[in-house]
Amino acid sequence: MALSYKARRRVALLVLLVGLPIYILVASVLATTIAPDSVLVTLLLYVGLGIVWILPFKSVFKGIGQADPDAPKRRFDDDP
């Protein structure tokens, strides 16, 4: 079942305002628990964790910055 444009915008907002801060806390606790000694491994860990969070939500965020495709087309005489 595909989400409508408005539903995807709401889910994206919910993910950014609620889910991302929770993920940041969990990722930082995980990174400090693992605590590798190498700076390079630590950097790779944070980069990997920074990329992993977006993969499940890729379809939700795709096209959010575009105009609503379901909105009626505006004509020149409708412009304010």
PDB file of N, CA and C in Angstrom:
ATOM      1  N   MET A   1       0.840  -1.182   0.000  1.00  0.00           N
ATOM      2  CA  MET A   1       0.000   0.000   0.000  1.00  0.00           C
ATOM      3  C   MET A   1       0.885   1.246   0.000  1.00  0.00           C
ATOM      4  N   ALA A   2       0.725   2.082  -0.984  1.00  0.00           N
ATOM      5  CA  ALA A   2       1.519   3.293  -1.099  1.00  0.00           C
ATOM      6  C   ALA A   2       0.882   4.412  -0.276  1.00  0.00           C
ATOM      7  N   LEU A   3       1.726   5.191   0.360  1.00  0.00           N
ATOM      8  CA  LEU A   3       1.239   6.323   1.140  1.00  0.00           C
ATOM      9  C   LEU A   3       0.989   7.512   0.223  1.00  0.00           C
ATOM     10  N   SER A   4       0.012   8.305   0.584  1.00  0.00           N
ATOM     11  CA  SER A   4      -0.236   9.523  -0.180  1.00  0.00           C
ATOM     12  C   SER A   4       0.870  10.532   0.132  1.00  0.00           C
ATOM     13  N   TYR A   5       0.900  11.592  -0.642  1.00  0.00           N
ATOM     14  CA  TYR A   5       1.923  12.619  -0.464  1.00  0.00           C
ATOM     15  C   TYR A   5       1.830  13.243   0.923  1.00  0.00           C
ATOM     16  N   LYS A   6       0.623  13.574   1.364  1.00  0.00           N
ATOM     17  CA  LYS A   6       0.441  14.186   2.686  1.00  0.00           C
ATOM     18  C   LYS A   6       0.826  13.228   3.801  1.00  0.00           C
ATOM     19  N   ALA A   7       0.503  11.954   3.641  1.00  0.00           N
ATOM     20  CA  ALA A   7       0.854  10.969   4.662  1.00  0.00           C
ATOM     21  C   ALA A   7       2.372  10.799   4.738  1.00  0.00           C
ATOM     22  N   ARG A   8       3.032  10.780   3.575  1.00  0.00           N
ATOM     23  CA  ARG A   8       4.498  10.679   3.579  1.00  0.00           C
ATOM     24  C   ARG A   8       5.132  11.896   4.235  1.00  0.00           C
ATOM     25  N   ARG A   9       4.576  13.083   4.010  1.00  0.00           N
ATOM     26  CA  ARG A   9       5.107  14.285   4.662  1.00  0.00           C
ATOM     27  C   ARG A   9       4.954  14.207   6.167  1.00  0.00           C
ATOM     28  N   ARG A  10       3.812  13.710   6.632  1.00  0.00           N
ATOM     29  CA  ARG A  10       3.593  13.582   8.077  1.00  0.00           C
ATOM     30  C   ARG A  10       4.511  12.541   8.694  1.00  0.00           C
ATOM     31  N   VAL A  11       4.677  11.413   8.020  1.00  0.00           N
ATOM     32  CA  VAL A  11       5.568  10.370   8.531  1.00  0.00           C
ATOM     33  C   VAL A  11       7.015  10.877   8.537  1.00  0.00           C
ATOM     34  N   ALA A  12       7.424  11.599   7.510  1.00  0.00           N
ATOM     35  CA  ALA A  12       8.776  12.141   7.458  1.00  0.00           C
ATOM     36  C   ALA A  12       9.003  13.130   8.597  1.00  0.00           C
ATOM     37  N   LEU A  13       8.020  13.964   8.875  1.00  0.00           N
ATOM     38  CA  LEU A  13       8.134  14.912   9.981  1.00  0.00           C
ATOM     39  C   LEU A  13       8.223  14.183  11.316  1.00  0.00           C
ATOM     40  N   LEU A  14       7.420  13.151  11.491  1.00  0.00           N
ATOM     41  CA  LEU A  14       7.459  12.352  12.716  1.00  0.00           C
ATOM     42  C   LEU A  14       8.816  11.666  12.884  1.00  0.00           C
ATOM     43  N   VAL A  15       9.344  11.140  11.805  1.00  0.00           N
ATOM     44  CA  VAL A  15      10.657  10.483  11.863  1.00  0.00           C
ATOM     45  C   VAL A  15      11.735  11.489  12.245  1.00  0.00           C
ATOM     46  N   LEU A  16      11.697  12.677  11.658  1.00  0.00           N
ATOM     47  CA  LEU A  16      12.728  13.671  11.939  1.00  0.00           C
ATOM     48  C   LEU A  16      12.619  14.260  13.342  1.00  0.00           C
ATOM     49  N   LEU A  17      11.411  14.475  13.834  1.00  0.00           N
ATOM     50  CA  LEU A  17      11.240  15.113  15.133  1.00  0.00           C
ATOM     51  C   LEU A  17      11.284  14.154  16.309  1.00  0.00           C
ATOM     52  N   VAL A  18      10.886  12.911  16.103  1.00  0.00           N
ATOM     53  CA  VAL A  18      10.828  11.949  17.205  1.00  0.00           C
ATOM     54  C   VAL A  18      11.848  10.832  17.011  1.00  0.00           C
ATOM     55  N   GLY A  19      11.828  10.214  15.852  1.00  0.00           N
ATOM     56  CA  GLY A  19      12.664   9.039  15.626  1.00  0.00           C
ATOM     57  C   GLY A  19      14.148   9.338  15.562  1.00  0.00           C
ATOM     58  N   LEU A  20      14.527  10.410  14.910  1.00  0.00           N
ATOM     59  CA  LEU A  20      15.942  10.724  14.759  1.00  0.00           C
ATOM     60  C   LEU A  20      16.618  11.050  16.088  1.00  0.00           C
ATOM     61  N   PRO A  21      16.028  11.868  16.964  1.00  0.00           N
ATOM     62  CA  PRO A  21      16.683  12.084  18.266  1.00  0.00           C
ATOM     63  C   PRO A  21      16.822  10.798  19.089  1.00  0.00           C
ATOM     64  N   ILE A  22      15.835   9.927  19.019  1.00  0.00           N
ATOM     65  CA  ILE A  22      15.937   8.650  19.732  1.00  0.00           C
ATOM     66  C   ILE A  22      17.055   7.810  19.131  1.00  0.00           C
ATOM     67  N   TYR A  23      17.147   7.776  17.804  1.00  0.00           N
ATOM     68  CA  TYR A  23      18.200   7.019  17.147  1.00  0.00           C
ATOM     69  C   TYR A  23      19.573   7.588  17.500  1.00  0.00           C
ATOM     70  N   ILE A  24      19.697   8.892  17.569  1.00  0.00           N
ATOM     71  CA  ILE A  24      20.974   9.514  17.925  1.00  0.00           C
ATOM     72  C   ILE A  24      21.405   9.083  19.321  1.00  0.00           C
ATOM     73  N   LEU A  25      20.473   9.066  20.261  1.00  0.00           N
ATOM     74  CA  LEU A  25      20.801   8.620  21.619  1.00  0.00           C
ATOM     75  C   LEU A  25      21.236   7.156  21.635  1.00  0.00           C
ATOM     76  N   VAL A  26      20.500   6.308  20.944  1.00  0.00           N
ATOM     77  CA  VAL A  26      20.836   4.881  20.903  1.00  0.00           C
ATOM     78  C   VAL A  26      22.185   4.676  20.208  1.00  0.00           C
ATOM     79  N   ALA A  27      22.432   5.382  19.113  1.00  0.00           N
ATOM     80  CA  ALA A  27      23.694   5.235  18.384  1.00  0.00           C
ATOM     81  C   ALA A  27      24.872   5.723  19.220  1.00  0.00           C
ATOM     82  N   SER A  28      24.702   6.824  19.954  1.00  0.00           N
ATOM     83  CA  SER A  28      25.810   7.316  20.772  1.00  0.00           C
ATOM     84  C   SER A  28      26.101   6.376  21.942  1.00  0.00           C
ATOM     85  N   VAL A  29      25.051   5.791  22.535  1.00  0.00           N
ATOM     86  CA  VAL A  29      25.275   4.807  23.593  1.00  0.00           C
ATOM     87  C   VAL A  29      25.975   3.577  23.034  1.00  0.00           C
ATOM     88  N   LEU A  30      25.556   3.133  21.864  1.00  0.00           N
ATOM     89  CA  LEU A  30      26.193   1.988  21.215  1.00  0.00           C
ATOM     90  C   LEU A  30      27.654   2.290  20.909  1.00  0.00           C
ATOM     91  N   ALA A  31      27.936   3.469  20.386  1.00  0.00           N
ATOM     92  CA  ALA A  31      29.311   3.831  20.031  1.00  0.00           C
ATOM     93  C   ALA A  31      30.194   3.949  21.262  1.00  0.00           C
ATOM     94  N   THR A  32      29.675   4.478  22.355  1.00  0.00           N
ATOM     95  CA  THR A  32      30.486   4.580  23.567  1.00  0.00           C
ATOM     96  C   THR A  32      30.640   3.230  24.248  1.00  0.00           C
ATOM     97  N   THR A  33      29.679   2.336  24.061  1.00  0.00           N
ATOM     98  CA  THR A  33      29.795   0.989  24.621  1.00  0.00           C
ATOM     99  C   THR A  33      30.874   0.201  23.888  1.00  0.00           C
ATOM    100  N   ILE A  34      30.886   0.314  22.574  1.00  0.00           N
ATOM    101  CA  ILE A  34      31.906  -0.382  21.787  1.00  0.00           C
ATOM    102  C   ILE A  34      33.268   0.268  22.017  1.00  0.00           C
ATOM    103  N   ALA A  35      33.322   1.584  21.967  1.00  0.00           N
ATOM    104  CA  ALA A  35      34.510   2.398  22.232  1.00  0.00           C
ATOM    105  C   ALA A  35      35.789   1.841  21.632  1.00  0.00           C
ATOM    106  N   PRO A  36      35.903   1.813  20.303  1.00  0.00           N
ATOM    107  CA  PRO A  36      37.157   1.343  19.700  1.00  0.00           C
ATOM    108  C   PRO A  36      38.302   2.310  19.994  1.00  0.00           C
ATOM    109  N   ASP A  37      39.516   1.769  20.054  1.00  0.00           N
ATOM    110  CA  ASP A  37      40.684   2.590  20.375  1.00  0.00           C
ATOM    111  C   ASP A  37      41.170   3.403  19.182  1.00  0.00           C
ATOM    112  N   SER A  38      40.934   2.930  17.997  1.00  0.00           N
ATOM    113  CA  SER A  38      41.405   3.601  16.798  1.00  0.00           C
ATOM    114  C   SER A  38      40.463   4.742  16.414  1.00  0.00           C
ATOM    115  N   VAL A  39      41.052   5.862  16.044  1.00  0.00           N
ATOM    116  CA  VAL A  39      40.258   7.014  15.613  1.00  0.00           C
ATOM    117  C   VAL A  39      39.566   6.703  14.287  1.00  0.00           C
ATOM    118  N   LEU A  40      40.242   5.982  13.411  1.00  0.00           N
ATOM    119  CA  LEU A  40      39.672   5.647  12.115  1.00  0.00           C
ATOM    120  C   LEU A  40      38.460   4.723  12.267  1.00  0.00           C
ATOM    121  N   VAL A  41      38.551   3.747  13.158  1.00  0.00           N
ATOM    122  CA  VAL A  41      37.424   2.836  13.391  1.00  0.00           C
ATOM    123  C   VAL A  41      36.250   3.597  14.009  1.00  0.00           C
ATOM    124  N   THR A  42      36.546   4.517  14.916  1.00  0.00           N
ATOM    125  CA  THR A  42      35.489   5.336  15.514  1.00  0.00           C
ATOM    126  C   THR A  42      34.800   6.191  14.454  1.00  0.00           C
ATOM    127  N   LEU A  43      35.581   6.797  13.580  1.00  0.00           N
ATOM    128  CA  LEU A  43      35.027   7.609  12.495  1.00  0.00           C
ATOM    129  C   LEU A  43      34.156   6.761  11.579  1.00  0.00           C
ATOM    130  N   LEU A  44      34.637   5.588  11.198  1.00  0.00           N
ATOM    131  CA  LEU A  44      33.848   4.699  10.343  1.00  0.00           C
ATOM    132  C   LEU A  44      32.570   4.247  11.033  1.00  0.00           C
ATOM    133  N   LEU A  45      32.636   4.025  12.339  1.00  0.00           N
ATOM    134  CA  LEU A  45      31.449   3.632  13.096  1.00  0.00           C
ATOM    135  C   LEU A  45      30.393   4.734  13.051  1.00  0.00           C
ATOM    136  N   TYR A  46      30.802   5.975  13.309  1.00  0.00           N
ATOM    137  CA  TYR A  46      29.844   7.084  13.292  1.00  0.00           C
ATOM    138  C   TYR A  46      29.303   7.357  11.882  1.00  0.00           C
ATOM    139  N   VAL A  47      30.141   7.235  10.878  1.00  0.00           N
ATOM    140  CA  VAL A  47      29.669   7.423   9.495  1.00  0.00           C
ATOM    141  C   VAL A  47      28.680   6.323   9.136  1.00  0.00           C
ATOM    142  N   GLY A  48      29.000   5.086   9.496  1.00  0.00           N
ATOM    143  CA  GLY A  48      28.086   3.972   9.231  1.00  0.00           C
ATOM    144  C   GLY A  48      26.759   4.139   9.936  1.00  0.00           C
ATOM    145  N   LEU A  49      26.792   4.525  11.208  1.00  0.00           N
ATOM    146  CA  LEU A  49      25.545   4.745  11.943  1.00  0.00           C
ATOM    147  C   LEU A  49      24.767   5.935  11.383  1.00  0.00           C
ATOM    148  N   GLY A  50      25.475   6.913  10.841  1.00  0.00           N
ATOM    149  CA  GLY A  50      24.802   8.063  10.245  1.00  0.00           C
ATOM    150  C   GLY A  50      24.102   7.726   8.941  1.00  0.00           C
ATOM    151  N   ILE A  51      24.590   6.722   8.244  1.00  0.00           N
ATOM    152  CA  ILE A  51      23.971   6.320   6.981  1.00  0.00           C
ATOM    153  C   ILE A  51      22.868   5.293   7.208  1.00  0.00           C
ATOM    154  N   VAL A  52      23.049   4.420   8.176  1.00  0.00           N
ATOM    155  CA  VAL A  52      22.115   3.306   8.394  1.00  0.00           C
ATOM    156  C   VAL A  52      20.711   3.777   8.741  1.00  0.00           C
ATOM    157  N   TRP A  53      20.559   4.890   9.437  1.00  0.00           N
ATOM    158  CA  TRP A  53      19.223   5.297   9.888  1.00  0.00           C
ATOM    159  C   TRP A  53      18.300   5.663   8.735  1.00  0.00           C
ATOM    160  N   ILE A  54      18.860   6.129   7.618  1.00  0.00           N
ATOM    161  CA  ILE A  54      18.018   6.597   6.519  1.00  0.00           C
ATOM    162  C   ILE A  54      17.527   5.466   5.618  1.00  0.00           C
ATOM    163  N   LEU A  55      18.217   4.347   5.601  1.00  0.00           N
ATOM    164  CA  LEU A  55      17.867   3.273   4.672  1.00  0.00           C
ATOM    165  C   LEU A  55      16.424   2.782   4.802  1.00  0.00           C
ATOM    166  N   PRO A  56      15.892   2.551   6.006  1.00  0.00           N
ATOM    167  CA  PRO A  56      14.495   2.108   6.074  1.00  0.00           C
ATOM    168  C   PRO A  56      13.485   3.183   5.656  1.00  0.00           C
ATOM    169  N   PHE A  57      13.879   4.450   5.723  1.00  0.00           N
ATOM    170  CA  PHE A  57      12.953   5.541   5.445  1.00  0.00           C
ATOM    171  C   PHE A  57      13.185   6.193   4.085  1.00  0.00           C
ATOM    172  N   LYS A  58      13.976   5.574   3.250  1.00  0.00           N
ATOM    173  CA  LYS A  58      14.301   6.155   1.946  1.00  0.00           C
ATOM    174  C   LYS A  58      13.048   6.427   1.116  1.00  0.00           C
ATOM    175  N   SER A  59      12.115   5.492   1.117  1.00  0.00           N
ATOM    176  CA  SER A  59      10.898   5.679   0.320  1.00  0.00           C
ATOM    177  C   SER A  59       9.987   6.756   0.901  1.00  0.00           C
ATOM    178  N   VAL A  60      10.065   6.976   2.203  1.00  0.00           N
ATOM    179  CA  VAL A  60       9.230   8.009   2.830  1.00  0.00           C
ATOM    180  C   VAL A  60       9.732   9.391   2.443  1.00  0.00           C
ATOM    181  N   PHE A  61      11.046   9.581   2.434  1.00  0.00           N
ATOM    182  CA  PHE A  61      11.610  10.897   2.157  1.00  0.00           C
ATOM    183  C   PHE A  61      11.727  11.216   0.673  1.00  0.00           C
ATOM    184  N   LYS A  62      11.566  10.238  -0.177  1.00  0.00           N
ATOM    185  CA  LYS A  62      11.737  10.455  -1.614  1.00  0.00           C
ATOM    186  C   LYS A  62      10.625  11.354  -2.154  1.00  0.00           C
ATOM    187  N   GLY A  63      11.005  12.484  -2.715  1.00  0.00           N
ATOM    188  CA  GLY A  63      10.053  13.396  -3.333  1.00  0.00           C
ATOM    189  C   GLY A  63       9.336  14.345  -2.387  1.00  0.00           C
ATOM    190  N   ILE A  64       9.730  14.386  -1.124  1.00  0.00           N
ATOM    191  CA  ILE A  64       9.045  15.254  -0.161  1.00  0.00           C
ATOM    192  C   ILE A  64       9.271  16.727  -0.480  1.00  0.00           C
ATOM    193  N   GLY A  65      10.413  17.085  -1.016  1.00  0.00           N
ATOM    194  CA  GLY A  65      10.703  18.483  -1.326  1.00  0.00           C
ATOM    195  C   GLY A  65      10.043  18.980  -2.601  1.00  0.00           C
ATOM    196  N   GLN A  66       9.388  18.100  -3.334  1.00  0.00           N
ATOM    197  CA  GLN A  66       8.744  18.473  -4.592  1.00  0.00           C
ATOM    198  C   GLN A  66       7.317  18.969  -4.325  1.00  0.00           C
ATOM    199  N   ALA A  67       6.710  19.519  -5.342  1.00  0.00           N
ATOM    200  CA  ALA A  67       5.313  19.955  -5.236  1.00  0.00           C
ATOM    201  C   ALA A  67       4.408  18.735  -5.140  1.00  0.00           C
ATOM    202  N   ASP A  68       3.248  18.917  -4.526  1.00  0.00           N
ATOM    203  CA  ASP A  68       2.283  17.833  -4.349  1.00  0.00           C
ATOM    204  C   ASP A  68       1.795  17.360  -5.721  1.00  0.00           C
ATOM    205  N   PRO A  69       2.050  16.109  -6.075  1.00  0.00           N
ATOM    206  CA  PRO A  69       1.618  15.628  -7.389  1.00  0.00           C
ATOM    207  C   PRO A  69       0.105  15.446  -7.484  1.00  0.00           C
ATOM    208  N   ASP A  70      -0.583  15.342  -6.357  1.00  0.00           N
ATOM    209  CA  ASP A  70      -2.027  15.160  -6.355  1.00  0.00           C
ATOM    210  C   ASP A  70      -2.796  16.475  -6.349  1.00  0.00           C
ATOM    211  N   ALA A  71      -2.100  17.577  -6.175  1.00  0.00           N
ATOM    212  CA  ALA A  71      -2.766  18.878  -6.134  1.00  0.00           C
ATOM    213  C   ALA A  71      -3.237  19.252  -7.534  1.00  0.00           C
ATOM    214  N   PRO A  72      -4.344  19.986  -7.599  1.00  0.00           N
ATOM    215  CA  PRO A  72      -4.808  20.428  -8.921  1.00  0.00           C
ATOM    216  C   PRO A  72      -3.811  21.402  -9.538  1.00  0.00           C
ATOM    217  N   LYS A  73      -3.679  21.323 -10.832  1.00  0.00           N
ATOM    218  CA  LYS A  73      -2.742  22.188 -11.539  1.00  0.00           C
ATOM    219  C   LYS A  73      -3.229  23.632 -11.478  1.00  0.00           C
ATOM    220  N   ARG A  74      -2.295  24.554 -11.282  1.00  0.00           N
ATOM    221  CA  ARG A  74      -2.659  25.975 -11.230  1.00  0.00           C
ATOM    222  C   ARG A  74      -2.639  26.546 -12.638  1.00  0.00           C
ATOM    223  N   ARG A  75      -3.650  27.332 -12.923  1.00  0.00           N
ATOM    224  CA  ARG A  75      -3.700  28.023 -14.204  1.00  0.00           C
ATOM    225  C   ARG A  75      -3.252  29.442 -14.002  1.00  0.00           C
ATOM    226  N   PHE A  76      -2.934  30.117 -15.101  1.00  0.00           N
ATOM    227  CA  PHE A  76      -2.432  31.472 -14.987  1.00  0.00           C
ATOM    228  C   PHE A  76      -3.448  32.411 -14.357  1.00  0.00           C
ATOM    229  N   ASP A  77      -4.738  32.225 -14.625  1.00  0.00           N
ATOM    230  CA  ASP A  77      -5.736  33.128 -14.073  1.00  0.00           C
ATOM    231  C   ASP A  77      -6.023  32.817 -12.610  1.00  0.00           C
ATOM    232  N   ASP A  78      -5.506  31.712 -12.064  1.00  0.00           N
ATOM    233  CA  ASP A  78      -5.672  31.370 -10.652  1.00  0.00           C
ATOM    234  C   ASP A  78      -4.560  31.934  -9.784  1.00  0.00           C
ATOM    235  N   ASP A  79      -3.507  32.455 -10.404  1.00  0.00           N
ATOM    236  CA  ASP A  79      -2.371  32.962  -9.630  1.00  0.00           C
ATOM    237  C   ASP A  79      -2.809  34.182  -8.834  1.00  0.00           C
ATOM    238  N   PRO A  80      -2.331  34.271  -7.616  1.00  0.00           N
ATOM    239  CA  PRO A  80      -2.695  35.445  -6.790  1.00  0.00           C
ATOM    240  C   PRO A  80      -2.003  36.705  -7.243  1.00  0.00           C
TER     241      PRO A  80
END
